[in-house]
Every structure is written in structure tokens, then in C-alpha cells.
Amino acid sequence: MIKIHPKSITFILQTEANEVKIKGSWNDWKAEPMMRKDGVFTKTKRLKPGTYEFGYEVDGRWLADETLPTTPSPYGSLNSVLKVEP
């Protein structure tokens, strides 16, 4: 799930996992740790307008955001698609 703010976007994933990282096309797929509080992992980012692909690495497994459209990745999994409006 995502929450859109006026100048940022918060990525939200509720899971009992030990570690969640977010990876996206906005930074050449570099893993960024998400912060955990009460079983909810979050990461807030400022993104320029455009279309991005991303996913979550949940305890080493790839997971797309079920609340957004998806597209196949070159690795046989699904990436979430996020469009950031100006």
C-alpha cells in the first residue's frame, strides 16, 4: 500500500517478517531498508514525476504491492508500477 502526500510517498507493508527492503527503478534497484513499528514497515520517499517499477524484499523473497498494477520483471517475478503525477 502507498500513501501519497503533497511532496512525498510513503510505502507501507504490514507483515510479520524480520526484515523488509524496498527496491525500485528510481535508484537503479538499490535496496533500502524499511523501518518497522508494531508489525508495519514504512519508507517515505520524495520522487520526481514519472512512472516507476518497484517491489519489496521480504526476508529475502520478492513481493509486489498488491494494491498497485504490476508488470512482469525480466527475472520471472512481478514488479509493482507506480505513476507519480506532477
PDB file of N, CA and C in Angstrom:
ATOM      1  N   MET A   1       0.854  -1.171   0.000  1.00  0.00           N
ATOM      2  CA  MET A   1       0.000   0.000   0.000  1.00  0.00           C
ATOM      3  C   MET A   1       0.900   1.234   0.000  1.00  0.00           C
ATOM      4  N   ILE A   2       0.401   2.274  -0.608  1.00  0.00           N
ATOM      5  CA  ILE A   2       1.127   3.542  -0.576  1.00  0.00           C
ATOM      6  C   ILE A   2       0.194   4.633  -0.070  1.00  0.00           C
ATOM      7  N   LYS A   3       0.794   5.669   0.481  1.00  0.00           N
ATOM      8  CA  LYS A   3       0.072   6.864   0.901  1.00  0.00           C
ATOM      9  C   LYS A   3       0.736   8.037   0.206  1.00  0.00           C
ATOM     10  N   ILE A   4      -0.038   8.797  -0.542  1.00  0.00           N
ATOM     11  CA  ILE A   4       0.518   9.923  -1.287  1.00  0.00           C
ATOM     12  C   ILE A   4       0.324  11.197  -0.481  1.00  0.00           C
ATOM     13  N   HIS A   5       1.426  11.884  -0.231  1.00  0.00           N
ATOM     14  CA  HIS A   5       1.436  13.167   0.469  1.00  0.00           C
ATOM     15  C   HIS A   5       1.749  14.250  -0.565  1.00  0.00           C
ATOM     16  N   PRO A   6       1.582  15.522  -0.227  1.00  0.00           N
ATOM     17  CA  PRO A   6       1.854  16.584  -1.207  1.00  0.00           C
ATOM     18  C   PRO A   6       3.257  16.526  -1.822  1.00  0.00           C
ATOM     19  N   LYS A   7       4.286  16.189  -1.050  1.00  0.00           N
ATOM     20  CA  LYS A   7       5.644  16.200  -1.602  1.00  0.00           C
ATOM     21  C   LYS A   7       6.382  14.885  -1.412  1.00  0.00           C
ATOM     22  N   SER A   8       5.678  13.848  -0.966  1.00  0.00           N
ATOM     23  CA  SER A   8       6.344  12.566  -0.752  1.00  0.00           C
ATOM     24  C   SER A   8       5.337  11.421  -0.856  1.00  0.00           C
ATOM     25  N   ILE A   9       5.874  10.210  -0.867  1.00  0.00           N
ATOM     26  CA  ILE A   9       5.067   8.996  -0.910  1.00  0.00           C
ATOM     27  C   ILE A   9       5.568   8.078   0.194  1.00  0.00           C
ATOM     28  N   THR A  10       4.639   7.513   0.961  1.00  0.00           N
ATOM     29  CA  THR A  10       5.006   6.547   1.985  1.00  0.00           C
ATOM     30  C   THR A  10       4.587   5.159   1.523  1.00  0.00           C
ATOM     31  N   PHE A  11       5.543   4.252   1.501  1.00  0.00           N
ATOM     32  CA  PHE A  11       5.303   2.855   1.172  1.00  0.00           C
ATOM     33  C   PHE A  11       5.043   2.132   2.483  1.00  0.00           C
ATOM     34  N   ILE A  12       3.979   1.322   2.532  1.00  0.00           N
ATOM     35  CA  ILE A  12       3.545   0.677   3.767  1.00  0.00           C
ATOM     36  C   ILE A  12       3.321  -0.810   3.503  1.00  0.00           C
ATOM     37  N   LEU A  13       3.912  -1.652   4.343  1.00  0.00           N
ATOM     38  CA  LEU A  13       3.715  -3.096   4.220  1.00  0.00           C
ATOM     39  C   LEU A  13       3.551  -3.689   5.614  1.00  0.00           C
ATOM     40  N   GLN A  14       2.396  -4.320   5.849  1.00  0.00           N
ATOM     41  CA  GLN A  14       2.156  -4.976   7.131  1.00  0.00           C
ATOM     42  C   GLN A  14       2.530  -6.444   6.989  1.00  0.00           C
ATOM     43  N   THR A  15       3.465  -6.892   7.803  1.00  0.00           N
ATOM     44  CA  THR A  15       3.942  -8.272   7.737  1.00  0.00           C
ATOM     45  C   THR A  15       4.630  -8.640   9.045  1.00  0.00           C
ATOM     46  N   GLU A  16       4.694  -9.924   9.314  1.00  0.00           N
ATOM     47  CA  GLU A  16       5.405 -10.422  10.494  1.00  0.00           C
ATOM     48  C   GLU A  16       6.869 -10.712  10.173  1.00  0.00           C
ATOM     49  N   ALA A  17       7.358 -10.268   9.039  1.00  0.00           N
ATOM     50  CA  ALA A  17       8.735 -10.525   8.604  1.00  0.00           C
ATOM     51  C   ALA A  17       9.742  -9.884   9.554  1.00  0.00           C
ATOM     52  N   ASN A  18      10.963 -10.378   9.482  1.00  0.00           N
ATOM     53  CA  ASN A  18      12.050  -9.803  10.273  1.00  0.00           C
ATOM     54  C   ASN A  18      12.679  -8.601   9.589  1.00  0.00           C
ATOM     55  N   GLU A  19      12.730  -8.637   8.252  1.00  0.00           N
ATOM     56  CA  GLU A  19      13.401  -7.568   7.504  1.00  0.00           C
ATOM     57  C   GLU A  19      12.675  -7.323   6.184  1.00  0.00           C
ATOM     58  N   VAL A  20      12.460  -6.053   5.876  1.00  0.00           N
ATOM     59  CA  VAL A  20      11.865  -5.668   4.598  1.00  0.00           C
ATOM     60  C   VAL A  20      12.703  -4.551   4.001  1.00  0.00           C
ATOM     61  N   LYS A  21      13.021  -4.717   2.727  1.00  0.00           N
ATOM     62  CA  LYS A  21      13.716  -3.677   1.968  1.00  0.00           C
ATOM     63  C   LYS A  21      12.854  -3.336   0.768  1.00  0.00           C
ATOM     64  N   ILE A  22      12.966  -2.110   0.301  1.00  0.00           N
ATOM     65  CA  ILE A  22      12.278  -1.705  -0.916  1.00  0.00           C
ATOM     66  C   ILE A  22      13.337  -1.459  -1.984  1.00  0.00           C
ATOM     67  N   LYS A  23      13.028  -1.906  -3.203  1.00  0.00           N
ATOM     68  CA  LYS A  23      13.924  -1.688  -4.339  1.00  0.00           C
ATOM     69  C   LYS A  23      13.086  -1.119  -5.467  1.00  0.00           C
ATOM     70  N   GLY A  24      13.656  -0.140  -6.191  1.00  0.00           N
ATOM     71  CA  GLY A  24      12.888   0.461  -7.263  1.00  0.00           C
ATOM     72  C   GLY A  24      13.741   1.034  -8.369  1.00  0.00           C
ATOM     73  N   SER A  25      13.082   1.315  -9.475  1.00  0.00           N
ATOM     74  CA  SER A  25      13.774   1.871 -10.642  1.00  0.00           C
ATOM     75  C   SER A  25      14.222   3.306 -10.403  1.00  0.00           C
ATOM     76  N   TRP A  26      13.724   3.957  -9.360  1.00  0.00           N
ATOM     77  CA  TRP A  26      14.114   5.348  -9.069  1.00  0.00           C
ATOM     78  C   TRP A  26      15.570   5.466  -8.650  1.00  0.00           C
ATOM     79  N   ASN A  27      16.195   4.355  -8.219  1.00  0.00           N
ATOM     80  CA  ASN A  27      17.602   4.439  -7.801  1.00  0.00           C
ATOM     81  C   ASN A  27      18.407   3.229  -8.303  1.00  0.00           C
ATOM     82  N   ASP A  28      18.065   2.759  -9.492  1.00  0.00           N
ATOM     83  CA  ASP A  28      18.753   1.603 -10.089  1.00  0.00           C
ATOM     84  C   ASP A  28      18.640   0.355  -9.224  1.00  0.00           C
ATOM     85  N   TRP A  29      17.517   0.183  -8.551  1.00  0.00           N
ATOM     86  CA  TRP A  29      17.190  -1.035  -7.815  1.00  0.00           C
ATOM     87  C   TRP A  29      18.094  -1.288  -6.612  1.00  0.00           C
ATOM     88  N   LYS A  30      18.598  -0.229  -6.014  1.00  0.00           N
ATOM     89  CA  LYS A  30      19.395  -0.386  -4.789  1.00  0.00           C
ATOM     90  C   LYS A  30      18.450  -0.619  -3.605  1.00  0.00           C
ATOM     91  N   ALA A  31      18.765  -1.602  -2.792  1.00  0.00           N
ATOM     92  CA  ALA A  31      17.922  -1.950  -1.643  1.00  0.00           C
ATOM     93  C   ALA A  31      17.978  -0.862  -0.575  1.00  0.00           C
ATOM     94  N   GLU A  32      16.804  -0.481  -0.079  1.00  0.00           N
ATOM     95  CA  GLU A  32      16.698   0.496   1.003  1.00  0.00           C
ATOM     96  C   GLU A  32      15.890  -0.136   2.139  1.00  0.00           C
ATOM     97  N   PRO A  33      16.460  -0.228   3.335  1.00  0.00           N
ATOM     98  CA  PRO A  33      15.720  -0.816   4.456  1.00  0.00           C
ATOM     99  C   PRO A  33      14.478   0.010   4.797  1.00  0.00           C
ATOM    100  N   MET A  34      13.415  -0.699   5.169  1.00  0.00           N
ATOM    101  CA  MET A  34      12.205  -0.043   5.636  1.00  0.00           C
ATOM    102  C   MET A  34      12.195  -0.110   7.162  1.00  0.00           C
ATOM    103  N   MET A  35      11.575   0.875   7.785  1.00  0.00           N
ATOM    104  CA  MET A  35      11.514   0.953   9.248  1.00  0.00           C
ATOM    105  C   MET A  35      10.302   0.165   9.752  1.00  0.00           C
ATOM    106  N   ARG A  36      10.489  -0.590  10.841  1.00  0.00           N
ATOM    107  CA  ARG A  36       9.403  -1.402  11.394  1.00  0.00           C
ATOM    108  C   ARG A  36       8.913  -0.820  12.711  1.00  0.00           C
ATOM    109  N   LYS A  37       7.582  -0.783  12.842  1.00  0.00           N
ATOM    110  CA  LYS A  37       6.951  -0.395  14.106  1.00  0.00           C
ATOM    111  C   LYS A  37       5.640  -1.165  14.215  1.00  0.00           C
ATOM    112  N   ASP A  38       5.519  -1.974  15.242  1.00  0.00           N
ATOM    113  CA  ASP A  38       4.295  -2.743  15.506  1.00  0.00           C
ATOM    114  C   ASP A  38       3.862  -3.589  14.309  1.00  0.00           C
ATOM    115  N   GLY A  39       4.802  -4.256  13.656  1.00  0.00           N
ATOM    116  CA  GLY A  39       4.474  -5.141  12.538  1.00  0.00           C
ATOM    117  C   GLY A  39       4.179  -4.438  11.232  1.00  0.00           C
ATOM    118  N   VAL A  40       4.426  -3.138  11.168  1.00  0.00           N
ATOM    119  CA  VAL A  40       4.203  -2.373   9.938  1.00  0.00           C
ATOM    120  C   VAL A  40       5.530  -1.755   9.512  1.00  0.00           C
ATOM    121  N   PHE A  41       5.924  -2.040   8.277  1.00  0.00           N
ATOM    122  CA  PHE A  41       7.155  -1.484   7.719  1.00  0.00           C
ATOM    123  C   PHE A  41       6.800  -0.290   6.845  1.00  0.00           C
ATOM    124  N   THR A  42       7.561   0.802   6.982  1.00  0.00           N
ATOM    125  CA  THR A  42       7.306   2.003   6.183  1.00  0.00           C
ATOM    126  C   THR A  42       8.605   2.587   5.646  1.00  0.00           C
ATOM    127  N   LYS A  43       8.467   3.301   4.549  1.00  0.00           N
ATOM    128  CA  LYS A  43       9.576   4.064   3.960  1.00  0.00           C
ATOM    129  C   LYS A  43       8.949   5.236   3.220  1.00  0.00           C
ATOM    130  N   THR A  44       9.365   6.458   3.553  1.00  0.00           N
ATOM    131  CA  THR A  44       8.859   7.651   2.881  1.00  0.00           C
ATOM    132  C   THR A  44       9.937   8.183   1.956  1.00  0.00           C
ATOM    133  N   LYS A  45       9.525   8.472   0.716  1.00  0.00           N
ATOM    134  CA  LYS A  45      10.466   8.945  -0.300  1.00  0.00           C
ATOM    135  C   LYS A  45       9.880  10.131  -1.053  1.00  0.00           C
ATOM    136  N   ARG A  46      10.766  10.974  -1.536  1.00  0.00           N
ATOM    137  CA  ARG A  46      10.395  12.038  -2.470  1.00  0.00           C
ATOM    138  C   ARG A  46      10.784  11.555  -3.855  1.00  0.00           C
ATOM    139  N   LEU A  47       9.825  11.496  -4.750  1.00  0.00           N
ATOM    140  CA  LEU A  47      10.082  11.027  -6.109  1.00  0.00           C
ATOM    141  C   LEU A  47       9.643  12.079  -7.112  1.00  0.00           C
ATOM    142  N   LYS A  48      10.438  12.256  -8.146  1.00  0.00           N
ATOM    143  CA  LYS A  48      10.069  13.168  -9.224  1.00  0.00           C
ATOM    144  C   LYS A  48       8.926  12.549 -10.022  1.00  0.00           C
ATOM    145  N   PRO A  49       8.132  13.382 -10.718  1.00  0.00           N
ATOM    146  CA  PRO A  49       7.068  12.834 -11.555  1.00  0.00           C
ATOM    147  C   PRO A  49       7.632  11.830 -12.560  1.00  0.00           C
ATOM    148  N   GLY A  50       6.890  10.760 -12.762  1.00  0.00           N
ATOM    149  CA  GLY A  50       7.300   9.728 -13.702  1.00  0.00           C
ATOM    150  C   GLY A  50       6.663   8.402 -13.335  1.00  0.00           C
ATOM    151  N   THR A  51       6.993   7.378 -14.099  1.00  0.00           N
ATOM    152  CA  THR A  51       6.494   6.031 -13.846  1.00  0.00           C
ATOM    153  C   THR A  51       7.651   5.175 -13.357  1.00  0.00           C
ATOM    154  N   TYR A  52       7.435   4.494 -12.255  1.00  0.00           N
ATOM    155  CA  TYR A  52       8.479   3.699 -11.611  1.00  0.00           C
ATOM    156  C   TYR A  52       8.003   2.267 -11.405  1.00  0.00           C
ATOM    157  N   GLU A  53       8.949   1.345 -11.406  1.00  0.00           N
ATOM    158  CA  GLU A  53       8.694  -0.031 -11.005  1.00  0.00           C
ATOM    159  C   GLU A  53       9.405  -0.258  -9.678  1.00  0.00           C
ATOM    160  N   PHE A  54       8.798  -1.086  -8.819  1.00  0.00           N
ATOM    161  CA  PHE A  54       9.418  -1.374  -7.529  1.00  0.00           C
ATOM    162  C   PHE A  54       8.867  -2.673  -6.961  1.00  0.00           C
ATOM    163  N   GLY A  55       9.473  -3.101  -5.882  1.00  0.00           N
ATOM    164  CA  GLY A  55       8.990  -4.264  -5.144  1.00  0.00           C
ATOM    165  C   GLY A  55       9.615  -4.286  -3.766  1.00  0.00           C
ATOM    166  N   TYR A  56       9.109  -5.208  -2.957  1.00  0.00           N
ATOM    167  CA  TYR A  56       9.609  -5.376  -1.599  1.00  0.00           C
ATOM    168  C   TYR A  56      10.410  -6.671  -1.515  1.00  0.00           C
ATOM    169  N   GLU A  57      11.526  -6.628  -0.814  1.00  0.00           N
ATOM    170  CA  GLU A  57      12.277  -7.835  -0.498  1.00  0.00           C
ATOM    171  C   GLU A  57      11.955  -8.173   0.952  1.00  0.00           C
ATOM    172  N   VAL A  58      11.143  -9.206   1.138  1.00  0.00           N
ATOM    173  CA  VAL A  58      10.626  -9.571   2.455  1.00  0.00           C
ATOM    174  C   VAL A  58      11.336 -10.840   2.923  1.00  0.00           C
ATOM    175  N   ASP A  59      12.217 -10.694   3.888  1.00  0.00           N
ATOM    176  CA  ASP A  59      13.036 -11.823   4.356  1.00  0.00           C
ATOM    177  C   ASP A  59      13.648 -12.578   3.179  1.00  0.00           C
ATOM    178  N   GLY A  60      14.131 -11.833   2.192  1.00  0.00           N
ATOM    179  CA  GLY A  60      14.810 -12.417   1.042  1.00  0.00           C
ATOM    180  C   GLY A  60      13.917 -12.827  -0.115  1.00  0.00           C
ATOM    181  N   ARG A  61      12.594 -12.724   0.038  1.00  0.00           N
ATOM    182  CA  ARG A  61      11.664 -13.082  -1.048  1.00  0.00           C
ATOM    183  C   ARG A  61      11.109 -11.815  -1.693  1.00  0.00           C
ATOM    184  N   TRP A  62      10.934 -11.835  -3.015  1.00  0.00           N
ATOM    185  CA  TRP A  62      10.414 -10.690  -3.759  1.00  0.00           C
ATOM    186  C   TRP A  62       8.902 -10.650  -3.652  1.00  0.00           C
ATOM    187  N   LEU A  63       8.347  -9.467  -3.423  1.00  0.00           N
ATOM    188  CA  LEU A  63       6.911  -9.305  -3.277  1.00  0.00           C
ATOM    189  C   LEU A  63       6.483  -8.001  -3.935  1.00  0.00           C
ATOM    190  N   ALA A  64       5.471  -8.077  -4.791  1.00  0.00           N
ATOM    191  CA  ALA A  64       4.897  -6.873  -5.401  1.00  0.00           C
ATOM    192  C   ALA A  64       3.817  -6.319  -4.471  1.00  0.00           C
ATOM    193  N   ASP A  65       3.539  -5.035  -4.587  1.00  0.00           N
ATOM    194  CA  ASP A  65       2.469  -4.392  -3.822  1.00  0.00           C
ATOM    195  C   ASP A  65       1.140  -4.764  -4.476  1.00  0.00           C
ATOM    196  N   GLU A  66       0.287  -5.476  -3.756  1.00  0.00           N
ATOM    197  CA  GLU A  66      -0.976  -5.967  -4.311  1.00  0.00           C
ATOM    198  C   GLU A  66      -1.988  -4.865  -4.586  1.00  0.00           C
ATOM    199  N   THR A  67      -1.756  -3.659  -4.092  1.00  0.00           N
ATOM    200  CA  THR A  67      -2.720  -2.571  -4.278  1.00  0.00           C
ATOM    201  C   THR A  67      -2.450  -1.761  -5.540  1.00  0.00           C
ATOM    202  N   LEU A  68      -1.374  -2.089  -6.264  1.00  0.00           N
ATOM    203  CA  LEU A  68      -0.985  -1.337  -7.462  1.00  0.00           C
ATOM    204  C   LEU A  68      -0.914  -2.257  -8.674  1.00  0.00           C
ATOM    205  N   PRO A  69      -0.973  -1.681  -9.876  1.00  0.00           N
ATOM    206  CA  PRO A  69      -0.775  -2.508 -11.077  1.00  0.00           C
ATOM    207  C   PRO A  69       0.615  -3.146 -11.056  1.00  0.00           C
ATOM    208  N   THR A  70       0.758  -4.249 -11.773  1.00  0.00           N
ATOM    209  CA  THR A  70       2.049  -4.937 -11.837  1.00  0.00           C
ATOM    210  C   THR A  70       2.469  -5.144 -13.288  1.00  0.00           C
ATOM    211  N   THR A  71       3.749  -5.433 -13.455  1.00  0.00           N
ATOM    212  CA  THR A  71       4.308  -5.759 -14.757  1.00  0.00           C
ATOM    213  C   THR A  71       5.343  -6.862 -14.553  1.00  0.00           C
ATOM    214  N   PRO A  72       5.488  -7.770 -15.528  1.00  0.00           N
ATOM    215  CA  PRO A  72       6.492  -8.830 -15.367  1.00  0.00           C
ATOM    216  C   PRO A  72       7.905  -8.253 -15.342  1.00  0.00           C
ATOM    217  N   SER A  73       8.731  -8.822 -14.479  1.00  0.00           N
ATOM    218  CA  SER A  73      10.142  -8.430 -14.438  1.00  0.00           C
ATOM    219  C   SER A  73      10.929  -9.375 -15.338  1.00  0.00           C
ATOM    220  N   PRO A  74      12.158  -9.011 -15.693  1.00  0.00           N
ATOM    221  CA  PRO A  74      12.972  -9.908 -16.516  1.00  0.00           C
ATOM    222  C   PRO A  74      13.388 -11.180 -15.771  1.00  0.00           C
ATOM    223  N   TYR A  75      13.098 -11.257 -14.476  1.00  0.00           N
ATOM    224  CA  TYR A  75      13.535 -12.392 -13.659  1.00  0.00           C
ATOM    225  C   TYR A  75      12.401 -13.362 -13.331  1.00  0.00           C
ATOM    226  N   GLY A  76      11.248 -13.186 -13.971  1.00  0.00           N
ATOM    227  CA  GLY A  76      10.141 -14.110 -13.772  1.00  0.00           C
ATOM    228  C   GLY A  76       9.208 -13.769 -12.626  1.00  0.00           C
ATOM    229  N   SER A  77       9.419 -12.651 -11.976  1.00  0.00           N
ATOM    230  CA  SER A  77       8.532 -12.214 -10.895  1.00  0.00           C
ATOM    231  C   SER A  77       7.728 -11.009 -11.380  1.00  0.00           C
ATOM    232  N   LEU A  78       6.978 -10.408 -10.485  1.00  0.00           N
ATOM    233  CA  LEU A  78       6.203  -9.215 -10.821  1.00  0.00           C
ATOM    234  C   LEU A  78       6.759  -8.005 -10.088  1.00  0.00           C
ATOM    235  N   ASN A  79       6.769  -6.867 -10.781  1.00  0.00           N
ATOM    236  CA  ASN A  79       7.105  -5.581 -10.181  1.00  0.00           C
ATOM    237  C   ASN A  79       5.839  -4.749 -10.083  1.00  0.00           C
ATOM    238  N   SER A  80       5.718  -3.967  -9.038  1.00  0.00           N
ATOM    239  CA  SER A  80       4.624  -3.007  -8.924  1.00  0.00           C
ATOM    240  C   SER A  80       4.944  -1.799  -9.787  1.00  0.00           C
ATOM    241  N   VAL A  81       3.901  -1.149 -10.297  1.00  0.00           N
ATOM    242  CA  VAL A  81       4.063   0.039 -11.134  1.00  0.00           C
ATOM    243  C   VAL A  81       3.428   1.221 -10.412  1.00  0.00           C
ATOM    244  N   LEU A  82       4.212   2.275 -10.244  1.00  0.00           N
ATOM    245  CA  LEU A  82       3.759   3.487  -9.562  1.00  0.00           C
ATOM    246  C   LEU A  82       3.936   4.672 -10.492  1.00  0.00           C
ATOM    247  N   LYS A  83       2.853   5.405 -10.709  1.00  0.00           N
ATOM    248  CA  LYS A  83       2.925   6.621 -11.521  1.00  0.00           C
ATOM    249  C   LYS A  83       2.818   7.820 -10.588  1.00  0.00           C
ATOM    250  N   VAL A  84       3.852   8.669 -10.609  1.00  0.00           N
ATOM    251  CA  VAL A  84       3.883   9.874  -9.781  1.00  0.00           C
ATOM    252  C   VAL A  84       3.506  11.053 -10.667  1.00  0.00           C
ATOM    253  N   GLU A  85       2.434  11.706 -10.310  1.00  0.00           N
ATOM    254  CA  GLU A  85       1.938  12.849 -11.083  1.00  0.00           C
ATOM    255  C   GLU A  85       2.667  14.122 -10.662  1.00  0.00           C
ATOM    256  N   PRO A  86       2.760  15.100 -11.580  1.00  0.00           N
ATOM    257  CA  PRO A  86       3.404  16.381 -11.223  1.00  0.00           C
ATOM    258  C   PRO A  86       2.579  17.158 -10.209  1.00  0.00           C
TER     259      PRO A  86
END
